[in-house]
N, C-alpha and C. Protein backbone atom coordinates (compact mmCIF):
# COMPACT_ATOMS: atom_id res chain seq x y z
N MET A 1 -38.35 -0.81 43.15
CA MET A 1 -38.42 -1.05 41.73
C MET A 1 -39.76 -0.56 41.22
N HIS A 2 -39.79 -0.04 40.04
CA HIS A 2 -41.02 0.45 39.43
C HIS A 2 -41.99 -0.72 39.28
N PRO A 3 -43.28 -0.52 39.53
CA PRO A 3 -44.23 -1.63 39.51
C PRO A 3 -44.35 -2.31 38.15
N GLN A 4 -44.06 -1.61 37.05
CA GLN A 4 -44.21 -2.23 35.73
C GLN A 4 -42.92 -2.90 35.26
N CYS A 5 -41.84 -2.78 35.98
CA CYS A 5 -40.56 -3.36 35.60
C CYS A 5 -40.29 -4.58 36.45
N ARG A 6 -39.77 -5.63 35.80
CA ARG A 6 -39.41 -6.83 36.54
C ARG A 6 -37.91 -7.08 36.37
N ALA A 7 -37.31 -7.65 37.35
CA ALA A 7 -35.90 -8.02 37.26
C ALA A 7 -35.77 -9.24 36.37
N ALA A 8 -34.71 -9.28 35.55
CA ALA A 8 -34.47 -10.42 34.68
C ALA A 8 -34.01 -11.60 35.51
N SER A 9 -34.52 -12.75 35.20
CA SER A 9 -34.14 -13.95 35.94
C SER A 9 -32.72 -14.35 35.53
N PRO A 10 -32.01 -15.06 36.39
CA PRO A 10 -30.66 -15.53 36.04
C PRO A 10 -30.67 -16.42 34.80
N GLN A 11 -31.73 -17.20 34.61
CA GLN A 11 -31.81 -18.07 33.43
C GLN A 11 -31.90 -17.23 32.15
N LEU A 12 -32.70 -16.15 32.18
CA LEU A 12 -32.83 -15.28 31.02
C LEU A 12 -31.50 -14.60 30.70
N LEU A 13 -30.81 -14.12 31.71
CA LEU A 13 -29.50 -13.49 31.50
C LEU A 13 -28.50 -14.49 30.93
N LEU A 14 -28.50 -15.71 31.44
CA LEU A 14 -27.59 -16.74 30.94
C LEU A 14 -27.92 -17.06 29.48
N GLY A 15 -29.21 -17.15 29.16
CA GLY A 15 -29.63 -17.42 27.79
C GLY A 15 -29.19 -16.31 26.84
N LEU A 16 -29.37 -15.06 27.25
CA LEU A 16 -28.94 -13.92 26.42
C LEU A 16 -27.42 -13.92 26.23
N PHE A 17 -26.69 -14.27 27.28
CA PHE A 17 -25.24 -14.33 27.20
C PHE A 17 -24.80 -15.41 26.20
N LEU A 18 -25.45 -16.59 26.25
CA LEU A 18 -25.10 -17.67 25.33
C LEU A 18 -25.42 -17.30 23.89
N VAL A 19 -26.54 -16.61 23.64
CA VAL A 19 -26.89 -16.17 22.29
C VAL A 19 -25.85 -15.18 21.79
N LEU A 20 -25.46 -14.24 22.63
CA LEU A 20 -24.44 -13.27 22.25
C LEU A 20 -23.11 -13.95 21.94
N LEU A 21 -22.72 -14.90 22.76
CA LEU A 21 -21.48 -15.64 22.54
C LEU A 21 -21.53 -16.40 21.21
N LEU A 22 -22.65 -17.03 20.90
CA LEU A 22 -22.82 -17.74 19.64
C LEU A 22 -22.72 -16.79 18.45
N LEU A 23 -23.34 -15.61 18.55
CA LEU A 23 -23.26 -14.62 17.47
C LEU A 23 -21.84 -14.14 17.25
N LEU A 24 -21.11 -13.94 18.33
CA LEU A 24 -19.71 -13.52 18.20
C LEU A 24 -18.87 -14.60 17.53
N GLN A 25 -19.11 -15.86 17.85
CA GLN A 25 -18.36 -16.95 17.23
C GLN A 25 -18.69 -17.07 15.75
N LEU A 26 -19.95 -16.84 15.37
CA LEU A 26 -20.34 -16.92 13.97
C LEU A 26 -19.71 -15.81 13.14
N SER A 27 -19.51 -14.64 13.73
CA SER A 27 -18.94 -13.52 12.97
C SER A 27 -17.42 -13.53 12.96
N ALA A 28 -16.79 -14.33 13.82
CA ALA A 28 -15.34 -14.39 13.86
C ALA A 28 -14.81 -15.23 12.71
N PRO A 29 -13.59 -14.94 12.21
CA PRO A 29 -13.00 -15.76 11.16
C PRO A 29 -12.84 -17.19 11.63
N SER A 30 -13.06 -18.14 10.74
CA SER A 30 -13.01 -19.55 11.14
C SER A 30 -11.60 -20.12 11.08
N SER A 31 -10.67 -19.45 10.43
CA SER A 31 -9.29 -19.94 10.39
C SER A 31 -8.34 -18.77 10.25
N ALA A 32 -7.09 -19.04 10.53
CA ALA A 32 -6.07 -17.98 10.45
C ALA A 32 -5.90 -17.48 9.02
N SER A 33 -6.21 -18.32 8.02
CA SER A 33 -6.02 -17.89 6.64
C SER A 33 -7.03 -16.82 6.22
N GLU A 34 -8.10 -16.64 6.97
CA GLU A 34 -9.08 -15.61 6.65
C GLU A 34 -8.70 -14.25 7.22
N ASN A 35 -7.76 -14.22 8.15
CA ASN A 35 -7.32 -12.95 8.72
C ASN A 35 -6.46 -12.22 7.70
N PRO A 36 -6.59 -10.88 7.63
CA PRO A 36 -5.72 -10.14 6.72
C PRO A 36 -4.26 -10.36 7.07
N LYS A 37 -3.41 -10.47 6.06
CA LYS A 37 -1.99 -10.64 6.26
C LYS A 37 -1.29 -9.37 5.80
N VAL A 38 -0.40 -8.84 6.63
CA VAL A 38 0.27 -7.58 6.33
C VAL A 38 1.77 -7.76 6.51
N LYS A 39 2.54 -7.12 5.62
CA LYS A 39 4.00 -7.11 5.74
C LYS A 39 4.49 -5.71 5.42
N GLN A 40 5.51 -5.27 6.14
CA GLN A 40 6.08 -3.95 5.90
C GLN A 40 7.58 -4.08 5.76
N LYS A 41 8.16 -3.33 4.83
CA LYS A 41 9.60 -3.18 4.71
C LYS A 41 9.89 -1.70 4.76
N ALA A 42 10.74 -1.29 5.67
CA ALA A 42 11.07 0.13 5.81
C ALA A 42 12.58 0.30 5.82
N LEU A 43 13.03 1.36 5.18
CA LEU A 43 14.45 1.70 5.13
C LEU A 43 14.62 3.17 5.46
N ILE A 44 15.70 3.51 6.14
CA ILE A 44 16.03 4.92 6.35
C ILE A 44 17.36 5.17 5.64
N ARG A 45 17.37 6.21 4.84
CA ARG A 45 18.54 6.51 4.03
C ARG A 45 18.87 7.99 4.09
N GLN A 46 20.15 8.28 4.07
CA GLN A 46 20.60 9.65 3.93
C GLN A 46 20.69 10.03 2.45
N ARG A 47 20.78 9.04 1.60
CA ARG A 47 20.83 9.23 0.15
C ARG A 47 19.64 8.50 -0.47
N GLU A 48 19.63 8.48 -1.77
CA GLU A 48 18.52 7.88 -2.52
C GLU A 48 18.41 6.37 -2.29
N VAL A 49 17.19 5.89 -2.19
CA VAL A 49 16.94 4.45 -2.11
C VAL A 49 17.10 3.87 -3.51
N VAL A 50 17.95 2.88 -3.63
CA VAL A 50 18.18 2.27 -4.93
C VAL A 50 17.24 1.09 -5.15
N ASP A 51 17.01 0.30 -4.12
CA ASP A 51 16.25 -0.93 -4.25
C ASP A 51 15.24 -1.01 -3.12
N LEU A 52 13.96 -0.98 -3.47
CA LEU A 52 12.94 -1.13 -2.44
C LEU A 52 11.95 -2.17 -2.94
N GLU A 53 12.21 -3.40 -2.55
CA GLU A 53 11.32 -4.48 -2.92
C GLU A 53 11.15 -5.40 -1.73
N CYS A 54 10.09 -6.20 -1.80
CA CYS A 54 9.73 -7.05 -0.67
C CYS A 54 9.07 -8.31 -1.21
N THR A 55 9.42 -9.46 -0.66
CA THR A 55 8.76 -10.71 -1.04
C THR A 55 7.66 -10.99 -0.04
N PHE A 56 6.48 -11.29 -0.57
CA PHE A 56 5.27 -11.48 0.24
C PHE A 56 4.69 -12.85 -0.10
N THR A 57 4.24 -13.58 0.92
CA THR A 57 3.58 -14.87 0.69
C THR A 57 2.08 -14.64 0.65
N LYS A 58 1.51 -14.76 -0.54
CA LYS A 58 0.07 -14.58 -0.74
C LYS A 58 -0.60 -15.92 -0.45
N MET A 59 -1.58 -15.91 0.45
CA MET A 59 -2.19 -17.15 0.93
C MET A 59 -3.30 -17.67 0.01
N ARG A 60 -4.03 -16.79 -0.65
CA ARG A 60 -5.19 -17.20 -1.44
C ARG A 60 -5.10 -16.64 -2.86
N SER A 61 -5.57 -17.41 -3.83
CA SER A 61 -5.54 -16.94 -5.21
C SER A 61 -6.69 -15.99 -5.52
N ASN A 62 -7.75 -16.02 -4.72
CA ASN A 62 -8.92 -15.17 -4.99
C ASN A 62 -8.93 -13.90 -4.15
N SER A 63 -7.78 -13.48 -3.66
CA SER A 63 -7.69 -12.25 -2.87
C SER A 63 -7.00 -11.16 -3.67
N ALA A 64 -7.00 -9.96 -3.12
CA ALA A 64 -6.31 -8.82 -3.75
C ALA A 64 -5.15 -8.40 -2.85
N LEU A 65 -4.14 -7.79 -3.44
CA LEU A 65 -3.05 -7.21 -2.66
C LEU A 65 -3.21 -5.70 -2.64
N ARG A 66 -3.20 -5.14 -1.44
CA ARG A 66 -3.18 -3.69 -1.26
C ARG A 66 -1.73 -3.33 -0.99
N VAL A 67 -1.20 -2.40 -1.79
CA VAL A 67 0.18 -1.99 -1.62
C VAL A 67 0.24 -0.49 -1.37
N LEU A 68 1.24 -0.10 -0.60
CA LEU A 68 1.45 1.31 -0.28
C LEU A 68 2.94 1.58 -0.25
N PHE A 69 3.39 2.60 -0.96
CA PHE A 69 4.73 3.14 -0.80
C PHE A 69 4.57 4.50 -0.18
N SER A 70 5.39 4.80 0.82
CA SER A 70 5.42 6.12 1.42
C SER A 70 6.88 6.52 1.58
N GLY A 71 7.22 7.70 1.09
CA GLY A 71 8.59 8.17 1.19
C GLY A 71 8.77 9.46 0.41
N SER A 72 10.00 9.93 0.38
CA SER A 72 10.33 11.18 -0.30
C SER A 72 10.51 10.94 -1.80
N LEU A 73 9.86 11.79 -2.61
CA LEU A 73 10.03 11.76 -4.06
C LEU A 73 10.46 13.14 -4.54
N ARG A 74 11.30 13.17 -5.59
CA ARG A 74 11.75 14.44 -6.14
C ARG A 74 12.03 14.28 -7.62
N LEU A 75 11.75 15.34 -8.38
CA LEU A 75 12.06 15.38 -9.80
C LEU A 75 12.59 16.76 -10.13
N LYS A 76 13.68 16.80 -10.89
CA LYS A 76 14.18 18.08 -11.38
C LYS A 76 14.67 17.90 -12.82
N CYS A 77 14.61 19.01 -13.57
CA CYS A 77 15.01 18.97 -14.98
C CYS A 77 15.15 20.40 -15.50
N ARG A 78 15.82 20.53 -16.66
CA ARG A 78 15.99 21.85 -17.28
C ARG A 78 14.72 22.31 -17.97
N ASN A 79 14.07 21.42 -18.67
CA ASN A 79 12.83 21.71 -19.40
C ASN A 79 11.73 20.82 -18.86
N ALA A 80 10.61 20.81 -19.53
CA ALA A 80 9.50 19.97 -19.08
C ALA A 80 9.93 18.51 -19.01
N CYS A 81 9.52 17.82 -17.94
CA CYS A 81 9.84 16.40 -17.78
C CYS A 81 8.78 15.74 -16.91
N CYS A 82 8.77 14.42 -16.95
CA CYS A 82 7.77 13.67 -16.20
C CYS A 82 8.37 12.31 -15.82
N GLN A 83 8.17 11.90 -14.60
CA GLN A 83 8.59 10.58 -14.13
C GLN A 83 7.40 9.94 -13.43
N ARG A 84 7.35 8.61 -13.48
CA ARG A 84 6.29 7.87 -12.80
C ARG A 84 6.91 6.84 -11.86
N TRP A 85 6.30 6.72 -10.69
CA TRP A 85 6.66 5.71 -9.71
C TRP A 85 5.56 4.66 -9.78
N TYR A 86 5.94 3.38 -9.93
CA TYR A 86 4.93 2.35 -10.13
C TYR A 86 5.35 1.04 -9.45
N PHE A 87 4.34 0.24 -9.10
CA PHE A 87 4.57 -1.06 -8.48
C PHE A 87 4.64 -2.15 -9.53
N THR A 88 5.49 -3.16 -9.26
CA THR A 88 5.48 -4.39 -10.04
C THR A 88 5.25 -5.57 -9.10
N PHE A 89 4.67 -6.61 -9.67
CA PHE A 89 4.38 -7.84 -8.96
C PHE A 89 5.00 -8.97 -9.78
N ASN A 90 6.02 -9.60 -9.22
CA ASN A 90 6.79 -10.62 -9.95
C ASN A 90 7.30 -10.06 -11.28
N GLY A 91 7.73 -8.81 -11.27
CA GLY A 91 8.35 -8.19 -12.43
C GLY A 91 7.40 -7.54 -13.44
N ALA A 92 6.09 -7.66 -13.21
CA ALA A 92 5.12 -7.08 -14.16
C ALA A 92 4.22 -6.09 -13.44
N GLU A 93 3.79 -5.06 -14.17
CA GLU A 93 2.85 -4.11 -13.59
C GLU A 93 1.49 -4.77 -13.40
N CYS A 94 0.72 -4.24 -12.49
CA CYS A 94 -0.62 -4.74 -12.21
C CYS A 94 -1.52 -4.50 -13.43
N SER A 95 -2.31 -5.51 -13.75
CA SER A 95 -3.27 -5.35 -14.84
C SER A 95 -4.70 -5.56 -14.36
N GLY A 96 -4.87 -5.88 -13.07
CA GLY A 96 -6.21 -6.11 -12.54
C GLY A 96 -6.49 -5.18 -11.37
N PRO A 97 -7.10 -4.08 -11.54
CA PRO A 97 -7.69 -3.61 -12.78
C PRO A 97 -6.76 -2.75 -13.63
N LEU A 98 -5.86 -1.97 -13.02
CA LEU A 98 -4.97 -1.05 -13.75
C LEU A 98 -3.64 -0.94 -13.02
N PRO A 99 -2.60 -0.38 -13.67
CA PRO A 99 -1.33 -0.17 -12.96
C PRO A 99 -1.51 0.71 -11.72
N ILE A 100 -0.64 0.49 -10.75
CA ILE A 100 -0.63 1.30 -9.52
C ILE A 100 0.56 2.24 -9.66
N GLU A 101 0.27 3.54 -9.81
CA GLU A 101 1.32 4.50 -10.14
C GLU A 101 1.01 5.88 -9.61
N ALA A 102 2.03 6.71 -9.61
CA ALA A 102 1.90 8.15 -9.34
C ALA A 102 2.92 8.84 -10.22
N ILE A 103 2.62 10.07 -10.63
CA ILE A 103 3.56 10.81 -11.49
C ILE A 103 3.90 12.15 -10.86
N ILE A 104 5.07 12.65 -11.25
CA ILE A 104 5.44 14.04 -10.98
C ILE A 104 5.80 14.64 -12.33
N TYR A 105 5.20 15.77 -12.64
CA TYR A 105 5.44 16.47 -13.89
C TYR A 105 5.94 17.87 -13.56
N LEU A 106 7.00 18.30 -14.24
CA LEU A 106 7.50 19.67 -14.13
C LEU A 106 7.39 20.33 -15.49
N ASP A 107 6.75 21.48 -15.52
CA ASP A 107 6.59 22.21 -16.78
C ASP A 107 7.82 23.06 -17.08
N GLN A 108 8.47 23.54 -16.03
CA GLN A 108 9.62 24.43 -16.22
C GLN A 108 10.67 24.06 -15.19
N GLY A 109 11.84 23.71 -15.65
CA GLY A 109 12.91 23.32 -14.75
C GLY A 109 13.85 24.47 -14.45
N SER A 110 14.93 24.15 -13.81
CA SER A 110 15.92 25.17 -13.46
C SER A 110 17.02 25.19 -14.52
N PRO A 111 17.59 26.35 -14.80
CA PRO A 111 18.61 26.48 -15.85
C PRO A 111 19.83 25.59 -15.63
N GLU A 112 20.26 25.42 -14.41
CA GLU A 112 21.47 24.61 -14.14
C GLU A 112 21.14 23.18 -13.74
N LEU A 113 19.91 22.77 -13.79
CA LEU A 113 19.44 21.45 -13.41
C LEU A 113 19.54 21.17 -11.90
N ASN A 114 20.39 21.87 -11.22
CA ASN A 114 20.54 21.58 -9.79
C ASN A 114 20.40 22.84 -8.93
N SER A 115 19.75 23.86 -9.45
CA SER A 115 19.66 25.09 -8.65
C SER A 115 18.30 25.22 -7.97
N THR A 116 17.39 25.99 -8.50
CA THR A 116 16.22 26.42 -7.74
C THR A 116 15.16 25.35 -7.48
N ILE A 117 14.89 24.47 -8.43
CA ILE A 117 13.80 23.50 -8.21
C ILE A 117 14.40 22.17 -7.78
N ASN A 118 14.41 21.94 -6.48
CA ASN A 118 14.93 20.70 -5.92
C ASN A 118 14.13 20.39 -4.66
N ILE A 119 12.84 20.21 -4.82
CA ILE A 119 11.93 20.01 -3.69
C ILE A 119 11.69 18.52 -3.51
N HIS A 120 12.01 18.02 -2.33
CA HIS A 120 11.74 16.62 -1.97
C HIS A 120 10.43 16.61 -1.18
N ARG A 121 9.47 15.83 -1.64
CA ARG A 121 8.16 15.79 -0.99
C ARG A 121 7.86 14.39 -0.51
N THR A 122 7.33 14.27 0.69
CA THR A 122 6.82 12.98 1.14
C THR A 122 5.55 12.69 0.37
N SER A 123 5.53 11.56 -0.28
CA SER A 123 4.42 11.20 -1.16
C SER A 123 4.06 9.74 -0.92
N SER A 124 2.92 9.34 -1.46
CA SER A 124 2.53 7.94 -1.37
C SER A 124 1.99 7.47 -2.72
N VAL A 125 2.19 6.19 -2.96
CA VAL A 125 1.65 5.49 -4.13
C VAL A 125 0.90 4.31 -3.55
N GLU A 126 -0.38 4.17 -3.89
CA GLU A 126 -1.19 3.15 -3.23
C GLU A 126 -2.25 2.61 -4.19
N GLY A 127 -2.59 1.34 -4.04
CA GLY A 127 -3.65 0.75 -4.84
C GLY A 127 -3.86 -0.72 -4.53
N LEU A 128 -4.85 -1.30 -5.22
CA LEU A 128 -5.18 -2.72 -5.10
C LEU A 128 -4.85 -3.42 -6.41
N CYS A 129 -4.32 -4.63 -6.31
CA CYS A 129 -4.04 -5.43 -7.49
C CYS A 129 -4.69 -6.79 -7.32
N GLU A 130 -5.50 -7.17 -8.31
CA GLU A 130 -6.19 -8.46 -8.30
C GLU A 130 -5.60 -9.36 -9.37
N GLY A 131 -5.92 -10.64 -9.30
CA GLY A 131 -5.49 -11.58 -10.33
C GLY A 131 -4.10 -12.14 -10.14
N ILE A 132 -3.53 -12.00 -8.95
CA ILE A 132 -2.21 -12.56 -8.66
C ILE A 132 -2.44 -13.88 -7.93
N GLY A 133 -1.80 -14.94 -8.39
CA GLY A 133 -1.98 -16.26 -7.79
C GLY A 133 -1.38 -16.35 -6.39
N ALA A 134 -1.75 -17.39 -5.68
CA ALA A 134 -1.21 -17.64 -4.34
C ALA A 134 0.26 -18.04 -4.46
N GLY A 135 1.02 -17.79 -3.39
CA GLY A 135 2.44 -18.14 -3.36
C GLY A 135 3.31 -16.91 -3.15
N LEU A 136 4.60 -17.06 -3.40
CA LEU A 136 5.54 -15.95 -3.22
C LEU A 136 5.34 -14.91 -4.32
N VAL A 137 5.27 -13.64 -3.89
CA VAL A 137 5.09 -12.52 -4.82
C VAL A 137 6.17 -11.49 -4.51
N ASP A 138 7.00 -11.17 -5.50
CA ASP A 138 8.00 -10.11 -5.35
C ASP A 138 7.33 -8.79 -5.70
N VAL A 139 7.24 -7.89 -4.72
CA VAL A 139 6.61 -6.58 -4.90
C VAL A 139 7.71 -5.53 -4.86
N ALA A 140 7.72 -4.62 -5.85
CA ALA A 140 8.77 -3.60 -5.91
C ALA A 140 8.18 -2.29 -6.41
N ILE A 141 8.83 -1.18 -6.02
CA ILE A 141 8.48 0.15 -6.53
C ILE A 141 9.61 0.57 -7.48
N TRP A 142 9.24 1.07 -8.66
CA TRP A 142 10.19 1.44 -9.69
C TRP A 142 9.94 2.87 -10.13
N VAL A 143 10.93 3.46 -10.79
CA VAL A 143 10.80 4.78 -11.38
C VAL A 143 11.01 4.65 -12.88
N GLY A 144 10.10 5.22 -13.65
CA GLY A 144 10.21 5.19 -15.11
C GLY A 144 9.76 6.52 -15.68
N THR A 145 9.78 6.59 -17.00
CA THR A 145 9.36 7.82 -17.66
C THR A 145 7.88 7.77 -17.99
N CYS A 146 7.29 8.93 -18.16
CA CYS A 146 5.92 9.05 -18.64
C CYS A 146 5.97 9.02 -20.17
N SER A 147 4.94 8.48 -20.78
CA SER A 147 4.95 8.44 -22.25
C SER A 147 4.91 9.87 -22.81
N ASP A 148 5.66 10.10 -23.88
CA ASP A 148 5.69 11.38 -24.61
C ASP A 148 6.35 12.53 -23.84
N TYR A 149 7.08 12.26 -22.77
CA TYR A 149 7.77 13.33 -22.04
C TYR A 149 9.21 12.91 -21.79
N PRO A 150 10.13 13.88 -21.81
CA PRO A 150 11.53 13.55 -21.54
C PRO A 150 11.73 13.13 -20.08
N LYS A 151 12.78 12.36 -19.89
CA LYS A 151 13.16 11.89 -18.56
C LYS A 151 13.80 13.03 -17.78
N GLY A 152 13.50 13.09 -16.48
CA GLY A 152 14.14 14.06 -15.59
C GLY A 152 15.09 13.34 -14.66
N ASP A 153 15.58 14.06 -13.67
CA ASP A 153 16.46 13.51 -12.65
C ASP A 153 15.59 13.20 -11.43
N ALA A 154 15.22 11.93 -11.27
CA ALA A 154 14.30 11.51 -10.21
C ALA A 154 15.07 11.00 -8.99
N SER A 155 14.50 11.20 -7.83
CA SER A 155 15.08 10.72 -6.58
C SER A 155 13.97 10.11 -5.73
N THR A 156 14.28 9.01 -5.09
CA THR A 156 13.33 8.32 -4.22
C THR A 156 13.97 8.09 -2.87
N GLY A 157 13.33 8.56 -1.81
CA GLY A 157 13.75 8.22 -0.45
C GLY A 157 14.95 8.98 0.08
N TRP A 158 15.13 10.21 -0.26
CA TRP A 158 16.28 10.98 0.21
C TRP A 158 16.04 11.47 1.63
N ASN A 159 16.98 11.18 2.53
CA ASN A 159 17.02 11.72 3.89
C ASN A 159 15.74 11.46 4.68
N SER A 160 15.13 10.30 4.48
CA SER A 160 13.88 9.99 5.16
C SER A 160 13.64 8.49 5.17
N VAL A 161 12.61 8.09 5.88
CA VAL A 161 12.19 6.69 5.88
C VAL A 161 11.32 6.44 4.65
N SER A 162 11.61 5.37 3.95
CA SER A 162 10.77 4.91 2.85
C SER A 162 10.23 3.55 3.24
N ARG A 163 8.97 3.29 2.91
CA ARG A 163 8.41 2.01 3.28
C ARG A 163 7.45 1.50 2.23
N ILE A 164 7.40 0.18 2.14
CA ILE A 164 6.38 -0.52 1.37
C ILE A 164 5.56 -1.32 2.37
N ILE A 165 4.24 -1.20 2.26
CA ILE A 165 3.32 -2.00 3.07
C ILE A 165 2.50 -2.83 2.11
N ILE A 166 2.41 -4.13 2.37
CA ILE A 166 1.64 -5.05 1.54
C ILE A 166 0.62 -5.74 2.43
N GLU A 167 -0.61 -5.78 1.97
CA GLU A 167 -1.68 -6.41 2.75
C GLU A 167 -2.55 -7.24 1.82
N GLU A 168 -2.81 -8.47 2.22
CA GLU A 168 -3.70 -9.33 1.44
C GLU A 168 -5.13 -9.13 1.94
N LEU A 169 -6.03 -8.84 1.01
CA LEU A 169 -7.42 -8.57 1.35
C LEU A 169 -8.35 -9.56 0.66
N PRO A 170 -9.36 -10.04 1.36
CA PRO A 170 -10.34 -10.92 0.69
C PRO A 170 -11.16 -10.10 -0.29
N LYS A 171 -11.63 -10.75 -1.37
CA LYS A 171 -12.48 -10.05 -2.34
C LYS A 171 -13.88 -9.92 -1.80
């Protein structure tokens, strides 16, 4: 052994181990309610998904919900059109801080409505919603029109897996 180095005594090693163990216990969640809660609903469809909603039990009133939709989205139309996919919580859009949405806009459609422009893309809609009380929360993804634009022919979840993931996060 090098003359300037000393071996650590067993008591010192035990003391360091106990300090480390105490630090780990202090940083660990103190109850199961502090652990993030996650729920997923997934569907596989050969045709369009008509209903994609999920009921989630929110444990705390001062937490936020992180939501994610992932699946195939498509819009087609003869002329310019716009559709929006958005989340609702107990039937209302998120207001804390803003709605959770995604849009598809087409400037030029196909002459027959069902010919050249019919691209299905895997897309996601994701965000955080605050201000929802504790308890059961019905979370759903909906399709609506964009303001000031005509409605197109929208499709959700064609020939693929569509899923909603909901996670409760502490503020």
